[in-house]
Structures are given as C-alpha cells and as structure tokens.
C-alpha cells in the first residue's frame, strides 16, 4: 500500500493507470452521453432540462467527496507526519474546486427554468459556494506561503475546519426550508429516481470519476517532479 504513495516507485504505476484510463475513457463517455442525452426520458414536469442533472449531481458528489478526502488526509498528516499525504491533498484540491464550481454553475442553469431565477440564497446553494471558498483558501495557502511546512500546516487546518461545512451541505435541505429538493438517492433508504434516469446518472458519475482519476494522477506526478527538482537544487 505504501508503495502506491512512495514517490520513488509511483511513476511506473501512474503511467500504467493513465494508459488504462485513456483506453476506456472515451468508450464509456460515449455510452454515458448516449444514455443521458438520448435514451433517458424527459421529466414529466421539467422536460429536457432535467438532463442537467446528469452533470450537476455527480459534480456535487465529487466536490463533497474530494473535500472529505482533503480533511481526512489532513488529519492523518497532522497525526502521522506523512509528507506524501500533502502531495496527494494538493493534487485533489483543484479537482474538487473545479467540480464544486461546476455543480454551482449547472445548478444555476437548472434553477432558471425550474425556479424562474438564476440564483437564490438557498441553504444548499450557499453552503456549496462556501465549500468552493474553502477550496480556494486551501489552494492559495500553498500558492502564497513559501515555507512549505507552514503552507502544509495552514492548508490542513483550512481543510479540517472546512469539513464542518460537509454535513451542513448534506442536511441543509432537511434542516431548513429550501428551494432545493431533498435527496432523491439514499444509500440506506428509499430512492426516488426511476431506473431509466438512475442508470445514466451512475454512468455519468463513473465517467467523471475516471476523469478525476486521470487529472489526479497527472497532477500528483507533477507534484512529485516538482519536489524532486526542489531537492536537487538544495543539493
């Protein structure tokens, strides 16, 4: 397991994984897009605008999952002082920010025909914007602070504090009266999405996760090269 995050041994596995993902990505993307745009039915109330869901929902899930990983790995970094965990969090943060912003943007596009407005100070939407701000703070901590130890410490604190927002996002539709609909898919309860829409939703989630993996591997490889160059200069 530790070989997978060891910078001295990771390049072989990164190239293998990148090549594998590249070999299947576009095939799965075409299948997912066909289900999402062609085979899935329009909603009986929202019509074809419901197809925004196939990007919006997976993007929101990935944004939340990415920040949860940031917070968890930051806690581990504090406890065990594993430097490679900081490289991993730095590689995850841009991905999480991108998908959080995409979730907010597609939510706005979906809200206009559904709610009649591009923006509302809804609890779910507002808490997602706050999540994006925490991502920005995390990334800026690494960009603006030259001392790497200090940057890692401050960014880890930002991730841990920002994790408080995760359950707020999750349960905002239950705690407050909001325009945003309650969760339609529940792991431990009943789901309210028909299989004709659930299948393309899961396919799009899988495609976007593959894309995340591809970007993460390339970013992580870049971070390793940057650290190696920095260490060579010190010598």
C-alpha atoms as a PDB file:
ATOM      1  CA  UNK A   1       0.000   0.000   0.000  1.00  0.00           C
ATOM      2  CA  UNK A   2       2.751   2.448   0.913  1.00  0.00           C
ATOM      3  CA  UNK A   3       4.440   1.749  -2.447  1.00  0.00           C
ATOM      4  CA  UNK A   4       1.442   3.367  -4.127  1.00  0.00           C
ATOM      5  CA  UNK A   5       2.210   6.735  -2.466  1.00  0.00           C
ATOM      6  CA  UNK A   6       6.004   6.383  -2.413  1.00  0.00           C
ATOM      7  CA  UNK A   7       7.328   8.973  -4.923  1.00  0.00           C
ATOM      8  CA  UNK A   8      10.355   6.819  -5.760  1.00  0.00           C
ATOM      9  CA  UNK A   9       8.161   3.933  -7.008  1.00  0.00           C
ATOM     10  CA  UNK A  10       4.969   5.632  -8.145  1.00  0.00           C
ATOM     11  CA  UNK A  11       5.861   6.617 -11.731  1.00  0.00           C
ATOM     12  CA  UNK A  12       5.531   3.081 -13.087  1.00  0.00           C
ATOM     13  CA  UNK A  13       2.050   2.671 -11.611  1.00  0.00           C
ATOM     14  CA  UNK A  14       0.946   6.170 -12.649  1.00  0.00           C
ATOM     15  CA  UNK A  15       1.793   5.504 -16.292  1.00  0.00           C
ATOM     16  CA  UNK A  16       0.045   2.129 -16.182  1.00  0.00           C
ATOM     17  CA  UNK A  17      -3.128   3.661 -14.710  1.00  0.00           C
ATOM     18  CA  UNK A  18      -3.125   6.648 -17.069  1.00  0.00           C
ATOM     19  CA  UNK A  19      -2.811   4.367 -20.098  1.00  0.00           C
ATOM     20  CA  UNK A  20      -5.588   2.104 -18.810  1.00  0.00           C
ATOM     21  CA  UNK A  21      -7.981   5.001 -18.134  1.00  0.00           C
ATOM     22  CA  UNK A  22      -7.226   6.542 -21.535  1.00  0.00           C
ATOM     23  CA  UNK A  23      -8.008   3.233 -23.221  1.00  0.00           C
ATOM     24  CA  UNK A  24     -11.540   3.018 -21.798  1.00  0.00           C
ATOM     25  CA  UNK A  25     -12.493   6.638 -21.084  1.00  0.00           C
ATOM     26  CA  UNK A  26     -13.935   7.738 -24.427  1.00  0.00           C
ATOM     27  CA  UNK A  27     -15.856   4.494 -24.945  1.00  0.00           C
ATOM     28  CA  UNK A  28     -17.569   4.843 -21.556  1.00  0.00           C
ATOM     29  CA  UNK A  29     -18.104   8.588 -22.156  1.00  0.00           C
ATOM     30  CA  UNK A  30     -19.937   7.914 -25.423  1.00  0.00           C
ATOM     31  CA  UNK A  31     -22.103   5.245 -23.758  1.00  0.00           C
ATOM     32  CA  UNK A  32     -22.915   7.526 -20.807  1.00  0.00           C
ATOM     33  CA  UNK A  33     -23.725  10.514 -23.044  1.00  0.00           C
ATOM     34  CA  UNK A  34     -25.967   8.346 -25.217  1.00  0.00           C
ATOM     35  CA  UNK A  35     -27.984   7.238 -22.196  1.00  0.00           C
ATOM     36  CA  UNK A  36     -28.065  10.749 -20.690  1.00  0.00           C
ATOM     37  CA  UNK A  37     -28.958  12.727 -23.823  1.00  0.00           C
ATOM     38  CA  UNK A  38     -30.839  10.228 -25.986  1.00  0.00           C
ATOM     39  CA  UNK A  39     -32.156   7.137 -24.208  1.00  0.00           C
ATOM     40  CA  UNK A  40     -33.246   8.629 -20.862  1.00  0.00           C
ATOM     41  CA  UNK A  41     -36.763  10.124 -20.888  1.00  0.00           C
ATOM     42  CA  UNK A  42     -37.593  13.792 -20.229  1.00  0.00           C
ATOM     43  CA  UNK A  43     -39.076  14.593 -16.837  1.00  0.00           C
ATOM     44  CA  UNK A  44     -42.870  14.864 -16.767  1.00  0.00           C
ATOM     45  CA  UNK A  45     -42.628  18.334 -15.190  1.00  0.00           C
ATOM     46  CA  UNK A  46     -39.188  19.704 -16.101  1.00  0.00           C
ATOM     47  CA  UNK A  47     -38.937  18.273 -19.584  1.00  0.00           C
ATOM     48  CA  UNK A  48     -35.477  18.015 -21.130  1.00  0.00           C
ATOM     49  CA  UNK A  49     -33.953  20.489 -18.642  1.00  0.00           C
ATOM     50  CA  UNK A  50     -33.728  17.564 -16.223  1.00  0.00           C
ATOM     51  CA  UNK A  51     -30.763  16.286 -18.259  1.00  0.00           C
ATOM     52  CA  UNK A  52     -28.625  18.912 -16.493  1.00  0.00           C
ATOM     53  CA  UNK A  53     -28.924  16.548 -13.523  1.00  0.00           C
ATOM     54  CA  UNK A  54     -26.524  14.100 -15.186  1.00  0.00           C
ATOM     55  CA  UNK A  55     -23.693  16.597 -14.783  1.00  0.00           C
ATOM     56  CA  UNK A  56     -24.919  18.576 -11.792  1.00  0.00           C
ATOM     57  CA  UNK A  57     -25.472  15.736  -9.337  1.00  0.00           C
ATOM     58  CA  UNK A  58     -22.203  13.817  -9.956  1.00  0.00           C
ATOM     59  CA  UNK A  59     -20.286  17.126  -9.843  1.00  0.00           C
ATOM     60  CA  UNK A  60     -21.776  17.952  -6.451  1.00  0.00           C
ATOM     61  CA  UNK A  61     -20.978  14.459  -5.141  1.00  0.00           C
ATOM     62  CA  UNK A  62     -17.381  14.701  -6.347  1.00  0.00           C
ATOM     63  CA  UNK A  63     -16.969  18.162  -4.825  1.00  0.00           C
ATOM     64  CA  UNK A  64     -18.141  16.859  -1.441  1.00  0.00           C
ATOM     65  CA  UNK A  65     -16.132  13.637  -1.666  1.00  0.00           C
ATOM     66  CA  UNK A  66     -12.949  15.488  -2.625  1.00  0.00           C
ATOM     67  CA  UNK A  67     -13.157  17.845   0.342  1.00  0.00           C
ATOM     68  CA  UNK A  68     -13.942  14.954   2.678  1.00  0.00           C
ATOM     69  CA  UNK A  69     -10.733  13.297   1.420  1.00  0.00           C
ATOM     70  CA  UNK A  70      -8.824  16.554   1.968  1.00  0.00           C
ATOM     71  CA  UNK A  71      -9.994  16.774   5.556  1.00  0.00           C
ATOM     72  CA  UNK A  72      -9.348  13.082   6.302  1.00  0.00           C
ATOM     73  CA  UNK A  73      -5.854  13.113   4.793  1.00  0.00           C
ATOM     74  CA  UNK A  74      -5.071  16.397   6.565  1.00  0.00           C
ATOM     75  CA  UNK A  75      -5.932  14.800   9.900  1.00  0.00           C
ATOM     76  CA  UNK A  76      -3.689  11.829   9.059  1.00  0.00           C
ATOM     77  CA  UNK A  77      -0.930  14.234   8.055  1.00  0.00           C
ATOM     78  CA  UNK A  78      -1.184  16.003  11.419  1.00  0.00           C
ATOM     79  CA  UNK A  79      -1.049  12.739  13.354  1.00  0.00           C
ATOM     80  CA  UNK A  80       1.484  10.696  11.377  1.00  0.00           C
ATOM     81  CA  UNK A  81       3.502  13.470   9.639  1.00  0.00           C
ATOM     82  CA  UNK A  82       3.450  11.644   6.286  1.00  0.00           C
ATOM     83  CA  UNK A  83       4.740  14.190   3.765  1.00  0.00           C
ATOM     84  CA  UNK A  84       3.332  12.401   0.728  1.00  0.00           C
ATOM     85  CA  UNK A  85      -0.186  12.980   2.024  1.00  0.00           C
ATOM     86  CA  UNK A  86       0.356  16.689   1.426  1.00  0.00           C
ATOM     87  CA  UNK A  87       1.220  15.958  -2.207  1.00  0.00           C
ATOM     88  CA  UNK A  88      -1.992  13.961  -2.519  1.00  0.00           C
ATOM     89  CA  UNK A  89      -4.155  16.727  -0.996  1.00  0.00           C
ATOM     90  CA  UNK A  90      -2.536  19.332  -3.272  1.00  0.00           C
ATOM     91  CA  UNK A  91      -3.431  17.118  -6.235  1.00  0.00           C
ATOM     92  CA  UNK A  92      -7.033  16.613  -5.105  1.00  0.00           C
ATOM     93  CA  UNK A  93      -7.870  20.255  -4.279  1.00  0.00           C
ATOM     94  CA  UNK A  94      -8.009  21.648  -7.865  1.00  0.00           C
ATOM     95  CA  UNK A  95     -10.248  18.765  -8.917  1.00  0.00           C
ATOM     96  CA  UNK A  96     -12.615  19.378  -6.017  1.00  0.00           C
ATOM     97  CA  UNK A  97     -12.744  23.114  -6.744  1.00  0.00           C
ATOM     98  CA  UNK A  98     -13.475  22.529 -10.429  1.00  0.00           C
ATOM     99  CA  UNK A  99     -16.370  20.157  -9.748  1.00  0.00           C
ATOM    100  CA  UNK A 100     -17.790  22.273  -6.919  1.00  0.00           C
ATOM    101  CA  UNK A 101     -17.855  25.293  -9.255  1.00  0.00           C
ATOM    102  CA  UNK A 102     -19.375  23.099 -11.976  1.00  0.00           C
ATOM    103  CA  UNK A 103     -22.086  21.968  -9.548  1.00  0.00           C
ATOM    104  CA  UNK A 104     -22.913  25.597  -8.670  1.00  0.00           C
ATOM    105  CA  UNK A 105     -22.932  26.640 -12.339  1.00  0.00           C
ATOM    106  CA  UNK A 106     -25.103  23.751 -13.541  1.00  0.00           C
ATOM    107  CA  UNK A 107     -27.366  24.270 -10.528  1.00  0.00           C
ATOM    108  CA  UNK A 108     -27.877  27.854 -11.663  1.00  0.00           C
ATOM    109  CA  UNK A 109     -28.616  26.717 -15.222  1.00  0.00           C
ATOM    110  CA  UNK A 110     -31.089  24.172 -13.877  1.00  0.00           C
ATOM    111  CA  UNK A 111     -32.635  26.633 -11.439  1.00  0.00           C
ATOM    112  CA  UNK A 112     -33.566  29.207 -14.079  1.00  0.00           C
ATOM    113  CA  UNK A 113     -36.188  27.080 -15.919  1.00  0.00           C
ATOM    114  CA  UNK A 114     -37.207  25.250 -12.730  1.00  0.00           C
ATOM    115  CA  UNK A 115     -37.403  28.067 -10.158  1.00  0.00           C
ATOM    116  CA  UNK A 116     -37.556  31.025 -12.521  1.00  0.00           C
ATOM    117  CA  UNK A 117     -34.281  32.524 -11.263  1.00  0.00           C
ATOM    118  CA  UNK A 118     -30.559  32.031 -11.876  1.00  0.00           C
ATOM    119  CA  UNK A 119     -29.688  32.430  -8.208  1.00  0.00           C
ATOM    120  CA  UNK A 120     -31.363  32.138  -4.804  1.00  0.00           C
ATOM    121  CA  UNK A 121     -29.818  32.363  -1.361  1.00  0.00           C
ATOM    122  CA  UNK A 122     -30.859  28.796  -0.769  1.00  0.00           C
ATOM    123  CA  UNK A 123     -29.127  26.923   2.090  1.00  0.00           C
ATOM    124  CA  UNK A 124     -27.819  24.129  -0.174  1.00  0.00           C
ATOM    125  CA  UNK A 125     -26.559  26.500  -2.872  1.00  0.00           C
ATOM    126  CA  UNK A 126     -24.987  28.945  -0.418  1.00  0.00           C
ATOM    127  CA  UNK A 127     -23.194  26.198   1.507  1.00  0.00           C
ATOM    128  CA  UNK A 128     -21.794  24.852  -1.795  1.00  0.00           C
ATOM    129  CA  UNK A 129     -20.389  28.306  -2.593  1.00  0.00           C
ATOM    130  CA  UNK A 130     -18.809  28.351   0.878  1.00  0.00           C
ATOM    131  CA  UNK A 131     -17.257  24.964   0.066  1.00  0.00           C
ATOM    132  CA  UNK A 132     -15.733  26.468  -3.087  1.00  0.00           C
ATOM    133  CA  UNK A 133     -14.276  29.296  -0.959  1.00  0.00           C
ATOM    134  CA  UNK A 134     -12.621  26.755   1.347  1.00  0.00           C
ATOM    135  CA  UNK A 135     -11.092  25.087  -1.712  1.00  0.00           C
ATOM    136  CA  UNK A 136      -9.772  28.477  -2.864  1.00  0.00           C
ATOM    137  CA  UNK A 137      -8.283  29.176   0.584  1.00  0.00           C
ATOM    138  CA  UNK A 138      -6.641  25.744   0.613  1.00  0.00           C
ATOM    139  CA  UNK A 139      -5.044  26.289  -2.803  1.00  0.00           C
ATOM    140  CA  UNK A 140      -3.999  29.876  -2.001  1.00  0.00           C
ATOM    141  CA  UNK A 141      -2.263  28.700   1.175  1.00  0.00           C
ATOM    142  CA  UNK A 142       0.085  26.643  -0.993  1.00  0.00           C
ATOM    143  CA  UNK A 143       0.438  29.336  -3.657  1.00  0.00           C
ATOM    144  CA  UNK A 144       1.164  32.310  -1.371  1.00  0.00           C
ATOM    145  CA  UNK A 145       3.120  30.786   1.515  1.00  0.00           C
ATOM    146  CA  UNK A 146       6.701  29.987   0.509  1.00  0.00           C
ATOM    147  CA  UNK A 147       7.564  27.957   3.615  1.00  0.00           C
ATOM    148  CA  UNK A 148       6.305  24.500   2.646  1.00  0.00           C
ATOM    149  CA  UNK A 149       5.933  23.241   6.220  1.00  0.00           C
ATOM    150  CA  UNK A 150       3.887  26.302   7.166  1.00  0.00           C
ATOM    151  CA  UNK A 151       1.809  26.079   3.971  1.00  0.00           C
ATOM    152  CA  UNK A 152       1.009  22.413   4.649  1.00  0.00           C
ATOM    153  CA  UNK A 153       0.028  23.168   8.232  1.00  0.00           C
ATOM    154  CA  UNK A 154      -2.241  26.099   7.360  1.00  0.00           C
ATOM    155  CA  UNK A 155      -3.863  24.295   4.418  1.00  0.00           C
ATOM    156  CA  UNK A 156      -4.515  21.257   6.625  1.00  0.00           C
ATOM    157  CA  UNK A 157      -6.218  23.477   9.210  1.00  0.00           C
ATOM    158  CA  UNK A 158      -8.354  25.017   6.459  1.00  0.00           C
ATOM    159  CA  UNK A 159      -9.401  21.544   5.280  1.00  0.00           C
ATOM    160  CA  UNK A 160     -10.249  20.360   8.795  1.00  0.00           C
ATOM    161  CA  UNK A 161     -12.256  23.499   9.615  1.00  0.00           C
ATOM    162  CA  UNK A 162     -13.959  23.380   6.212  1.00  0.00           C
ATOM    163  CA  UNK A 163     -15.102  19.822   6.884  1.00  0.00           C
ATOM    164  CA  UNK A 164     -17.698  21.282   9.266  1.00  0.00           C
ATOM    165  CA  UNK A 165     -19.491  22.505   6.140  1.00  0.00           C
ATOM    166  CA  UNK A 166     -19.878  18.989   4.684  1.00  0.00           C
ATOM    167  CA  UNK A 167     -22.746  17.820   6.953  1.00  0.00           C
ATOM    168  CA  UNK A 168     -24.325  21.279   6.595  1.00  0.00           C
ATOM    169  CA  UNK A 169     -24.447  20.792   2.821  1.00  0.00           C
ATOM    170  CA  UNK A 170     -25.747  17.246   3.200  1.00  0.00           C
ATOM    171  CA  UNK A 171     -28.554  18.023   5.657  1.00  0.00           C
ATOM    172  CA  UNK A 172     -29.353  21.619   4.658  1.00  0.00           C
ATOM    173  CA  UNK A 173     -32.471  20.502   2.770  1.00  0.00           C
ATOM    174  CA  UNK A 174     -33.691  18.722   5.930  1.00  0.00           C
ATOM    175  CA  UNK A 175     -32.775  21.404   8.490  1.00  0.00           C
ATOM    176  CA  UNK A 176     -34.208  24.418   6.626  1.00  0.00           C
ATOM    177  CA  UNK A 177     -36.999  25.223   4.198  1.00  0.00           C
ATOM    178  CA  UNK A 178     -35.182  25.423   0.876  1.00  0.00           C
ATOM    179  CA  UNK A 179     -35.980  25.620  -2.814  1.00  0.00           C
ATOM    180  CA  UNK A 180     -33.602  22.753  -3.415  1.00  0.00           C
ATOM    181  CA  UNK A 181     -35.318  19.392  -3.432  1.00  0.00           C
ATOM    182  CA  UNK A 182     -34.479  16.767  -0.767  1.00  0.00           C
ATOM    183  CA  UNK A 183     -32.112  13.917  -1.568  1.00  0.00           C
ATOM    184  CA  UNK A 184     -33.637  11.612  -4.165  1.00  0.00           C
ATOM    185  CA  UNK A 185     -30.997   8.886  -3.830  1.00  0.00           C
ATOM    186  CA  UNK A 186     -30.393   7.365  -0.400  1.00  0.00           C
ATOM    187  CA  UNK A 187     -27.908   4.578   0.226  1.00  0.00           C
ATOM    188  CA  UNK A 188     -29.695   3.372   3.356  1.00  0.00           C
ATOM    189  CA  UNK A 189     -33.237   4.315   2.423  1.00  0.00           C
ATOM    190  CA  UNK A 190     -35.669   4.610  -0.438  1.00  0.00           C
ATOM    191  CA  UNK A 191     -34.530   6.247  -3.660  1.00  0.00           C
ATOM    192  CA  UNK A 192     -36.955   8.261  -5.777  1.00  0.00           C
ATOM    193  CA  UNK A 193     -35.160   8.268  -9.128  1.00  0.00           C
ATOM    194  CA  UNK A 194     -36.539   5.891 -11.755  1.00  0.00           C
ATOM    195  CA  UNK A 195     -34.124   3.303 -13.147  1.00  0.00           C
ATOM    196  CA  UNK A 196     -34.375   4.921 -16.601  1.00  0.00           C
ATOM    197  CA  UNK A 197     -32.729   8.013 -15.088  1.00  0.00           C
ATOM    198  CA  UNK A 198     -30.656   6.305 -12.412  1.00  0.00           C
ATOM    199  CA  UNK A 199     -28.622   4.261 -14.917  1.00  0.00           C
ATOM    200  CA  UNK A 200     -27.392   7.268 -16.966  1.00  0.00           C
ATOM    201  CA  UNK A 201     -26.750   9.152 -13.721  1.00  0.00           C
ATOM    202  CA  UNK A 202     -24.489   6.365 -12.447  1.00  0.00           C
ATOM    203  CA  UNK A 203     -22.767   6.084 -15.837  1.00  0.00           C
ATOM    204  CA  UNK A 204     -22.034   9.824 -15.835  1.00  0.00           C
ATOM    205  CA  UNK A 205     -20.735   9.566 -12.269  1.00  0.00           C
ATOM    206  CA  UNK A 206     -18.406   6.766 -13.342  1.00  0.00           C
ATOM    207  CA  UNK A 207     -17.145   8.786 -16.321  1.00  0.00           C
ATOM    208  CA  UNK A 208     -16.465  11.850 -14.186  1.00  0.00           C
ATOM    209  CA  UNK A 209     -14.701   9.730 -11.564  1.00  0.00           C
ATOM    210  CA  UNK A 210     -12.465   8.319 -14.299  1.00  0.00           C
ATOM    211  CA  UNK A 211     -11.730  11.873 -15.413  1.00  0.00           C
ATOM    212  CA  UNK A 212     -10.907  12.817 -11.797  1.00  0.00           C
ATOM    213  CA  UNK A 213      -8.544   9.861 -11.528  1.00  0.00           C
ATOM    214  CA  UNK A 214      -6.800  10.891 -14.739  1.00  0.00           C
ATOM    215  CA  UNK A 215      -6.338  14.513 -13.629  1.00  0.00           C
ATOM    216  CA  UNK A 216      -5.263  13.429 -10.145  1.00  0.00           C
ATOM    217  CA  UNK A 217      -2.590  11.067 -11.454  1.00  0.00           C
ATOM    218  CA  UNK A 218      -1.146  13.705 -13.777  1.00  0.00           C
ATOM    219  CA  UNK A 219      -1.209  16.364 -11.061  1.00  0.00           C
ATOM    220  CA  UNK A 220       0.355  14.023  -8.498  1.00  0.00           C
ATOM    221  CA  UNK A 221       3.107  13.126 -10.962  1.00  0.00           C
ATOM    222  CA  UNK A 222       3.773  16.840 -11.498  1.00  0.00           C
ATOM    223  CA  UNK A 223       3.988  17.443  -7.740  1.00  0.00           C
ATOM    224  CA  UNK A 224       6.495  14.615  -7.341  1.00  0.00           C
ATOM    225  CA  UNK A 225       8.666  16.033 -10.142  1.00  0.00           C
ATOM    226  CA  UNK A 226       8.481  19.498  -8.556  1.00  0.00           C
ATOM    227  CA  UNK A 227       9.613  18.146  -5.180  1.00  0.00           C
ATOM    228  CA  UNK A 228      12.472  16.180  -6.762  1.00  0.00           C
ATOM    229  CA  UNK A 229      13.693  19.262  -8.638  1.00  0.00           C
ATOM    230  CA  UNK A 230      13.494  21.305  -5.451  1.00  0.00           C
ATOM    231  CA  UNK A 231      15.542  18.738  -3.552  1.00  0.00           C
ATOM    232  CA  UNK A 232      18.162  18.629  -6.348  1.00  0.00           C
ATOM    233  CA  UNK A 233      18.557  22.419  -6.214  1.00  0.00           C
ATOM    234  CA  UNK A 234      19.150  22.235  -2.462  1.00  0.00           C
ATOM    235  CA  UNK A 235      21.989  19.759  -3.062  1.00  0.00           C
END
